[in-house]
């Protein structure tokens, strides 16, 4: 009897469970998974969900940046202000994803985007060629330049290691070309190159592949010498100028000296052995050129730049010694004159070590000047026997 009762109750129990299931899956409760699909795990924490949403939002920003930069074209009137405004706005959104970027500079990029939007008067109202002078504050190309300079400052001022140095250097070259070019079409092309380099820098800074190439700056845009020795006198003049410069101009003189050191070492790099380090040296020079004169990073960037120059010199000395030994087949090798630079390089490292990375530039002009002079001395000695690369 009991067994028959349990048999009759089984369908009723199933119906009740089905009813409960229907209630729990009603519109007022959490939705049930489709039939045949497992329910999602409920152990996902709110922070994990937030991280996932943030990652998706970041990907959307980066895709929009690529689309905005790809849409830029040079027309008869140069860059379309509305398209430029969109590209700068998307660039500002993407720059904010990087760690340790200064907020004021990002706001300046956004401000330039808003100014361009106002200048355009809407997507269908593009100024004519007659209303867009080649120079002049408040004009579209000048506003684009101001926004790109602000973007460069954001990238140069990142805290911690900067992985996108070559892209940031290329950005600086393109921004400089925008000012030096007089033809509107040439300035427009330089602006597009700057947008592409800035986008590459953002992607590399986020450990992603650069969408536009992340290439080294064109050699024509750099300061160059036919030989390392050819750069000795300009470098001497720059270092001497640093020692005599008044406070407001000292930073620019230090940047120029580092730029000349990079050009000297590049002239002796016949086999591309230290391209990366030379790029890093140029990057520190760019940082000095575009940074706040009262910033705390100046001394650190100078110290990094001088140390990098001496690292390159060590590689050059080692390479020259190896080539000299290989050439001495079966007979006594002639003294390697490049080795004479080694004690000078050691003395320069000692001088550079005296520069405090955490102290303001204006409070340690003497150790900084000593570091530049000692590094220059080591470079001058090495230049006497450095190779002359064939074109």
Protein backbone atom coordinates (compact mmCIF):
# COMPACT_ATOMS: atom_id res chain seq x y z
CA UNK A 1 0.00 0.00 0.00
CA UNK A 2 2.77 2.40 0.98
CA UNK A 3 4.63 1.55 -2.21
CA UNK A 4 1.54 2.32 -4.33
CA UNK A 5 1.15 5.68 -2.48
CA UNK A 6 4.75 6.63 -3.26
CA UNK A 7 4.17 5.72 -6.89
CA UNK A 8 1.06 7.95 -7.09
CA UNK A 9 2.88 10.83 -5.33
CA UNK A 10 5.90 10.82 -7.65
CA UNK A 11 4.16 12.65 -10.56
CA UNK A 12 2.73 15.16 -8.12
CA UNK A 13 6.18 15.85 -6.69
CA UNK A 14 7.55 16.34 -10.18
CA UNK A 15 4.78 18.75 -11.00
CA UNK A 16 5.44 20.72 -7.82
CA UNK A 17 9.17 20.94 -8.63
CA UNK A 18 8.31 22.11 -12.12
CA UNK A 19 6.00 24.74 -10.66
CA UNK A 20 8.73 25.93 -8.31
CA UNK A 21 11.13 26.09 -11.21
CA UNK A 22 8.64 28.15 -13.19
CA UNK A 23 8.26 30.57 -10.31
CA UNK A 24 12.00 30.97 -9.80
CA UNK A 25 12.46 31.66 -13.51
CA UNK A 26 9.70 34.23 -13.75
CA UNK A 27 10.30 37.79 -14.94
CA UNK A 28 10.57 39.02 -11.36
CA UNK A 29 13.46 36.66 -10.59
CA UNK A 30 16.83 35.98 -12.16
CA UNK A 31 16.39 34.51 -15.67
CA UNK A 32 16.99 30.81 -16.10
CA UNK A 33 19.54 29.51 -18.59
CA UNK A 34 18.23 28.10 -21.87
CA UNK A 35 17.40 24.41 -21.93
CA UNK A 36 20.54 22.41 -22.55
CA UNK A 37 22.93 25.16 -21.34
CA UNK A 38 24.48 25.10 -17.86
CA UNK A 39 23.77 27.98 -15.55
CA UNK A 40 26.60 30.49 -15.21
CA UNK A 41 28.72 30.13 -12.14
CA UNK A 42 27.70 32.48 -9.37
CA UNK A 43 31.22 32.76 -7.94
CA UNK A 44 32.22 35.74 -10.15
CA UNK A 45 33.10 38.60 -7.86
CA UNK A 46 31.93 42.16 -8.56
CA UNK A 47 35.56 43.23 -9.07
CA UNK A 48 36.05 40.57 -11.74
CA UNK A 49 32.93 41.77 -13.57
CA UNK A 50 34.14 45.38 -13.33
CA UNK A 51 37.56 44.40 -14.72
CA UNK A 52 35.91 42.65 -17.64
CA UNK A 53 33.75 45.66 -18.42
CA UNK A 54 36.76 47.97 -18.15
CA UNK A 55 38.77 45.80 -20.55
CA UNK A 56 35.96 45.81 -23.10
CA UNK A 57 35.63 49.58 -22.77
CA UNK A 58 39.39 49.98 -23.32
CA UNK A 59 39.25 47.87 -26.47
CA UNK A 60 36.40 50.01 -27.77
CA UNK A 61 38.42 53.19 -27.17
CA UNK A 62 41.43 51.80 -29.01
CA UNK A 63 39.37 50.61 -31.98
CA UNK A 64 37.78 54.04 -32.23
CA UNK A 65 41.22 55.67 -32.17
CA UNK A 66 42.41 53.53 -35.09
CA UNK A 67 39.27 54.32 -37.08
CA UNK A 68 39.57 58.06 -36.42
CA UNK A 69 43.25 58.20 -37.44
CA UNK A 70 42.66 56.07 -40.54
CA UNK A 71 39.93 58.49 -41.60
CA UNK A 72 42.33 61.47 -41.73
CA UNK A 73 43.07 62.73 -45.22
CA UNK A 74 44.78 65.77 -46.70
CA UNK A 75 42.39 67.70 -48.91
CA UNK A 76 42.69 70.99 -50.72
CA UNK A 77 42.19 72.79 -47.40
CA UNK A 78 44.48 70.52 -45.40
CA UNK A 79 43.00 68.43 -42.61
CA UNK A 80 39.25 68.48 -42.08
CA UNK A 81 38.79 70.18 -38.67
CA UNK A 82 35.93 67.85 -37.75
CA UNK A 83 37.98 64.73 -38.53
CA UNK A 84 40.95 66.20 -36.66
CA UNK A 85 38.72 66.97 -33.68
CA UNK A 86 37.49 63.37 -33.64
CA UNK A 87 41.04 61.99 -33.86
CA UNK A 88 42.28 64.20 -31.02
CA UNK A 89 39.27 63.32 -28.88
CA UNK A 90 39.82 59.58 -29.41
CA UNK A 91 43.54 60.06 -28.75
CA UNK A 92 42.78 61.74 -25.42
CA UNK A 93 40.45 58.87 -24.48
CA UNK A 94 43.19 56.35 -25.25
CA UNK A 95 45.96 58.30 -23.52
CA UNK A 96 43.96 58.18 -20.30
CA UNK A 97 44.32 54.37 -20.35
CA UNK A 98 48.08 54.62 -19.78
CA UNK A 99 49.42 54.42 -16.26
CA UNK A 100 51.11 57.44 -14.73
CA UNK A 101 50.08 60.05 -17.31
CA UNK A 102 49.57 63.69 -16.25
CA UNK A 103 45.90 64.66 -16.31
CA UNK A 104 46.45 68.37 -17.21
CA UNK A 105 48.17 67.46 -20.48
CA UNK A 106 45.36 65.04 -21.38
CA UNK A 107 42.90 67.87 -20.75
CA UNK A 108 44.87 70.06 -23.16
CA UNK A 109 44.44 67.41 -25.86
CA UNK A 110 40.68 67.41 -25.20
CA UNK A 111 40.63 71.22 -25.25
CA UNK A 112 42.27 71.24 -28.68
CA UNK A 113 39.68 68.73 -29.91
CA UNK A 114 36.86 70.93 -28.65
CA UNK A 115 38.39 74.02 -30.27
CA UNK A 116 38.59 72.22 -33.61
CA UNK A 117 34.97 71.17 -33.28
CA UNK A 118 34.02 74.79 -32.71
CA UNK A 119 36.15 75.97 -35.64
CA UNK A 120 34.52 73.45 -37.95
CA UNK A 121 31.05 74.67 -37.08
CA UNK A 122 29.80 71.12 -37.55
CA UNK A 123 30.68 68.26 -39.86
CA UNK A 124 29.32 69.99 -42.95
CA UNK A 125 31.02 73.37 -42.48
CA UNK A 126 34.72 73.14 -43.33
CA UNK A 127 36.68 76.42 -43.64
CA UNK A 128 37.84 77.33 -47.12
CA UNK A 129 41.51 77.50 -48.11
CA UNK A 130 41.34 81.30 -48.02
CA UNK A 131 40.15 81.27 -44.41
CA UNK A 132 42.92 78.93 -43.23
CA UNK A 133 46.25 80.80 -43.22
CA UNK A 134 49.44 78.77 -43.08
CA UNK A 135 50.28 80.34 -39.77
CA UNK A 136 48.33 82.03 -37.06
CA UNK A 137 46.96 81.14 -33.66
CA UNK A 138 43.46 79.73 -33.51
CA UNK A 139 43.57 78.27 -37.05
CA UNK A 140 42.88 74.54 -37.56
CA UNK A 141 46.43 73.43 -38.33
CA UNK A 142 47.78 75.39 -35.36
CA UNK A 143 45.15 73.88 -33.08
CA UNK A 144 46.00 70.39 -34.34
CA UNK A 145 49.66 71.13 -33.60
CA UNK A 146 48.82 72.29 -30.08
CA UNK A 147 46.85 69.11 -29.42
CA UNK A 148 49.63 66.87 -30.71
CA UNK A 149 52.23 68.72 -28.64
CA UNK A 150 50.07 68.10 -25.56
CA UNK A 151 49.81 64.41 -26.51
CA UNK A 152 53.58 64.27 -26.83
CA UNK A 153 53.96 65.80 -23.37
CA UNK A 154 51.65 63.12 -21.96
CA UNK A 155 53.75 60.35 -23.47
CA UNK A 156 57.07 61.91 -22.47
CA UNK A 157 55.98 62.40 -18.86
CA UNK A 158 54.93 58.80 -18.17
CA UNK A 159 56.26 57.45 -14.91
CA UNK A 160 58.23 54.22 -14.90
CA UNK A 161 59.77 52.53 -17.96
CA UNK A 162 58.51 53.79 -21.32
CA UNK A 163 58.39 51.02 -23.92
CA UNK A 164 57.25 53.21 -26.79
CA UNK A 165 60.36 55.35 -27.08
CA UNK A 166 60.81 55.05 -30.85
CA UNK A 167 57.17 55.99 -31.49
CA UNK A 168 57.38 58.98 -29.15
CA UNK A 169 60.57 60.13 -30.86
CA UNK A 170 58.87 59.78 -34.26
CA UNK A 171 55.96 61.80 -32.90
CA UNK A 172 58.37 64.56 -31.86
CA UNK A 173 59.97 64.63 -35.31
CA UNK A 174 56.58 64.91 -37.01
CA UNK A 175 55.40 67.64 -34.63
CA UNK A 176 58.61 69.58 -35.29
CA UNK A 177 58.10 69.17 -39.05
CA UNK A 178 54.61 70.68 -38.73
CA UNK A 179 56.25 73.90 -37.52
CA UNK A 180 59.12 73.95 -39.99
CA UNK A 181 57.06 73.24 -43.12
CA UNK A 182 55.56 76.25 -44.88
CA UNK A 183 53.41 74.36 -47.34
CA UNK A 184 49.95 73.47 -46.02
CA UNK A 185 49.96 70.06 -47.73
CA UNK A 186 53.31 69.15 -46.18
CA UNK A 187 52.13 70.24 -42.74
CA UNK A 188 49.02 68.12 -43.18
CA UNK A 189 51.08 65.03 -44.01
CA UNK A 190 53.30 65.65 -40.98
CA UNK A 191 50.18 65.94 -38.80
CA UNK A 192 48.88 62.57 -40.01
CA UNK A 193 52.30 61.02 -39.35
CA UNK A 194 52.18 62.49 -35.85
CA UNK A 195 48.71 61.03 -35.21
CA UNK A 196 49.92 57.61 -36.36
CA UNK A 197 53.04 57.76 -34.19
CA UNK A 198 51.00 58.84 -31.15
CA UNK A 199 48.59 55.95 -31.71
CA UNK A 200 51.49 53.50 -31.97
CA UNK A 201 52.92 54.86 -28.72
CA UNK A 202 49.62 54.32 -26.91
CA UNK A 203 49.30 50.73 -28.14
CA UNK A 204 52.90 49.83 -27.29
CA UNK A 205 52.46 51.41 -23.87
CA UNK A 206 49.52 49.05 -23.31
CA UNK A 207 51.55 46.00 -24.42
CA UNK A 208 49.72 45.79 -27.73
CA UNK A 209 51.04 45.70 -31.27
CA UNK A 210 51.42 49.12 -32.91
CA UNK A 211 48.69 49.50 -35.55
CA UNK A 212 50.71 51.80 -37.80
CA UNK A 213 54.21 50.34 -37.58
CA UNK A 214 56.10 51.80 -34.57
CA UNK A 215 58.97 52.68 -36.92
CA UNK A 216 62.12 54.59 -36.15
CA UNK A 217 62.11 58.28 -37.10
CA UNK A 218 63.33 59.04 -40.61
CA UNK A 219 67.06 59.70 -40.76
CA UNK A 220 66.42 62.97 -42.60
CA UNK A 221 64.53 64.27 -39.55
CA UNK A 222 67.48 63.71 -37.24
CA UNK A 223 70.63 65.63 -36.57
CA UNK A 224 73.35 63.62 -38.36
CA UNK A 225 77.10 63.71 -39.03
CA UNK A 226 79.20 61.99 -41.71
CA UNK A 227 81.52 60.73 -38.96
CA UNK A 228 81.74 60.72 -35.19
CA UNK A 229 84.64 63.18 -35.33
CA UNK A 230 82.51 65.64 -37.31
CA UNK A 231 80.27 66.08 -34.29
CA UNK A 232 83.03 66.98 -31.84
CA UNK A 233 82.99 70.75 -32.33
CA UNK A 234 79.17 71.13 -32.30
CA UNK A 235 79.05 69.00 -29.15
CA UNK A 236 81.77 71.10 -27.52
CA UNK A 237 79.81 74.25 -28.29
CA UNK A 238 76.60 72.76 -26.86
CA UNK A 239 78.23 71.67 -23.60
CA UNK A 240 79.95 75.04 -23.23
CA UNK A 241 76.62 76.75 -23.88
CA UNK A 242 75.03 74.65 -21.15
CA UNK A 243 77.61 75.90 -18.67
CA UNK A 244 76.99 79.54 -19.60
CA UNK A 245 73.20 79.37 -20.03
CA UNK A 246 70.87 81.16 -17.70
CA UNK A 247 68.37 79.07 -15.80
CA UNK A 248 65.42 79.29 -18.26
CA UNK A 249 67.55 78.10 -21.20
CA UNK A 250 69.69 75.48 -19.47
CA UNK A 251 67.18 72.70 -20.02
CA UNK A 252 67.12 73.26 -23.80
CA UNK A 253 70.93 73.36 -23.90
CA UNK A 254 71.11 70.02 -22.08
CA UNK A 255 68.59 68.52 -24.53
CA UNK A 256 70.64 69.75 -27.50
CA UNK A 257 73.84 68.28 -26.04
CA UNK A 258 72.19 64.86 -25.65
CA UNK A 259 70.84 65.11 -29.19
CA UNK A 260 74.36 65.81 -30.51
CA UNK A 261 75.82 62.92 -28.48
CA UNK A 262 73.24 60.63 -30.11
CA UNK A 263 74.15 61.92 -33.58
CA UNK A 264 77.87 61.35 -32.92
CA UNK A 265 77.34 57.79 -31.76
CA UNK A 266 74.94 57.06 -34.60
CA UNK A 267 77.62 58.13 -37.09
CA UNK A 268 79.88 55.35 -35.76
CA UNK A 269 77.17 52.68 -35.69
CA UNK A 270 77.97 51.16 -39.08
CA UNK A 271 76.34 47.80 -38.31
CA UNK A 272 73.35 48.95 -36.27
CA UNK A 273 74.67 47.45 -33.04
CA UNK A 274 73.16 50.05 -30.75
CA UNK A 275 70.17 51.47 -32.59
CA UNK A 276 67.91 50.82 -29.61
CA UNK A 277 70.18 52.62 -27.16
CA UNK A 278 70.60 55.59 -29.47
CA UNK A 279 66.81 55.76 -29.74
CA UNK A 280 66.65 55.80 -25.94
CA UNK A 281 69.20 58.64 -25.84
CA UNK A 282 67.11 60.66 -28.31
CA UNK A 283 64.03 59.93 -26.24
CA UNK A 284 65.60 61.48 -23.13
CA UNK A 285 66.51 64.52 -25.22
CA UNK A 286 62.88 64.81 -26.37
CA UNK A 287 61.73 64.58 -22.77
CA UNK A 288 63.95 67.48 -21.78
CA UNK A 289 62.81 69.58 -24.73
CA UNK A 290 59.09 69.19 -24.00
CA UNK A 291 58.95 68.94 -20.23
CA UNK A 292 58.12 71.51 -17.59
CA UNK A 293 61.23 73.52 -16.76
CA UNK A 294 60.50 73.10 -13.05
CA UNK A 295 59.74 69.36 -13.24
CA UNK A 296 61.41 66.85 -10.97
CA UNK A 297 62.16 64.47 -13.86
CA UNK A 298 64.81 66.63 -15.54
CA UNK A 299 67.76 65.40 -13.50
CA UNK A 300 66.67 61.77 -13.84
CA UNK A 301 66.32 62.04 -17.61
CA UNK A 302 69.72 63.74 -17.94
CA UNK A 303 71.34 61.02 -15.86
CA UNK A 304 69.65 58.30 -17.91
CA UNK A 305 70.70 59.96 -21.15
CA UNK A 306 74.36 60.34 -20.18
CA UNK A 307 74.48 56.78 -18.82
CA UNK A 308 73.01 55.50 -22.10
CA UNK A 309 75.63 57.42 -24.11
CA UNK A 310 78.37 55.78 -22.06
CA UNK A 311 76.74 52.35 -22.54
CA UNK A 312 76.91 52.88 -26.29
CA UNK A 313 80.53 53.97 -26.01
CA UNK A 314 81.35 50.75 -24.14
CA UNK A 315 79.82 48.70 -26.96
CA UNK A 316 81.73 50.73 -29.52
CA UNK A 317 85.02 50.20 -27.66
CA UNK A 318 84.41 46.46 -27.34
CA UNK A 319 83.51 46.17 -31.02
CA UNK A 320 86.58 48.08 -32.11
CA UNK A 321 88.86 45.95 -29.95
CA UNK A 322 87.37 42.75 -31.37
CA UNK A 323 87.86 43.96 -34.93
CA UNK A 324 91.45 44.97 -34.20
CA UNK A 325 92.26 41.54 -32.74
CA UNK A 326 90.67 39.76 -35.70
CA UNK A 327 92.70 41.84 -38.15
CA UNK A 328 95.99 40.94 -36.46
CA UNK A 329 96.42 37.53 -38.11
CA UNK A 330 99.83 36.06 -37.48
CA UNK A 331 101.44 39.29 -36.40
CA UNK A 332 101.42 41.54 -33.40
CA UNK A 333 98.33 43.72 -33.32
CA UNK A 334 98.78 47.45 -33.36
CA UNK A 335 97.63 49.26 -30.22
CA UNK A 336 93.93 49.93 -30.39
CA UNK A 337 93.44 53.65 -30.06
CA UNK A 338 89.75 53.19 -29.16
CA UNK A 339 90.83 51.48 -25.94
CA UNK A 340 92.30 54.81 -24.88
CA UNK A 341 88.74 56.02 -24.27
CA UNK A 342 88.14 53.43 -21.54
CA UNK A 343 89.69 55.38 -18.60
CA UNK A 344 87.86 58.48 -19.79
CA UNK A 345 84.60 56.52 -19.89
CA UNK A 346 85.18 55.30 -16.32
CA UNK A 347 85.80 58.85 -15.17
CA UNK A 348 82.64 59.96 -16.94
CA UNK A 349 80.58 57.27 -15.20
CA UNK A 350 81.89 58.47 -11.86
CA UNK A 351 80.86 62.03 -12.72
CA UNK A 352 77.40 60.95 -13.90
CA UNK A 353 76.93 58.94 -10.71
CA UNK A 354 77.19 62.19 -8.74
CA UNK A 355 73.98 63.48 -10.36
CA UNK A 356 71.04 62.97 -8.03
CA UNK A 357 67.96 61.70 -9.86
CA UNK A 358 65.60 63.03 -7.19
CA UNK A 359 67.00 66.56 -6.87
CA UNK A 360 65.84 69.54 -8.89
CA UNK A 361 67.89 70.40 -11.95
CA UNK A 362 68.48 73.97 -10.80
CA UNK A 363 70.00 72.83 -7.52
CA UNK A 364 72.75 70.69 -9.06
CA UNK A 365 73.99 72.54 -12.09
CA UNK A 366 77.60 71.77 -11.15
CA UNK A 367 77.38 67.93 -11.08
CA UNK A 368 75.25 67.98 -14.23
CA UNK A 369 77.78 70.16 -16.02
CA UNK A 370 80.62 67.88 -14.83
CA UNK A 371 78.71 64.85 -16.13
CA UNK A 372 78.28 66.41 -19.58
CA UNK A 373 81.92 67.51 -19.78
CA UNK A 374 83.29 64.14 -18.72
CA UNK A 375 81.02 62.29 -21.16
CA UNK A 376 82.05 64.64 -23.96
CA UNK A 377 85.74 64.00 -23.17
CA UNK A 378 85.21 60.24 -23.49
CA UNK A 379 83.36 60.70 -26.78
CA UNK A 380 86.11 62.96 -28.18
CA UNK A 381 88.81 60.38 -27.42
CA UNK A 382 86.73 57.60 -29.01
CA UNK A 383 85.95 59.73 -32.07
CA UNK A 384 89.65 59.85 -33.00
CA UNK A 385 89.55 56.19 -34.04
CA UNK A 386 85.85 55.56 -34.61
CA UNK A 387 84.96 54.02 -37.99
CA UNK A 388 83.59 56.12 -40.84
CA UNK A 389 80.57 54.28 -42.18
CA UNK A 390 80.12 53.99 -45.91
CA UNK A 391 76.94 55.44 -47.33
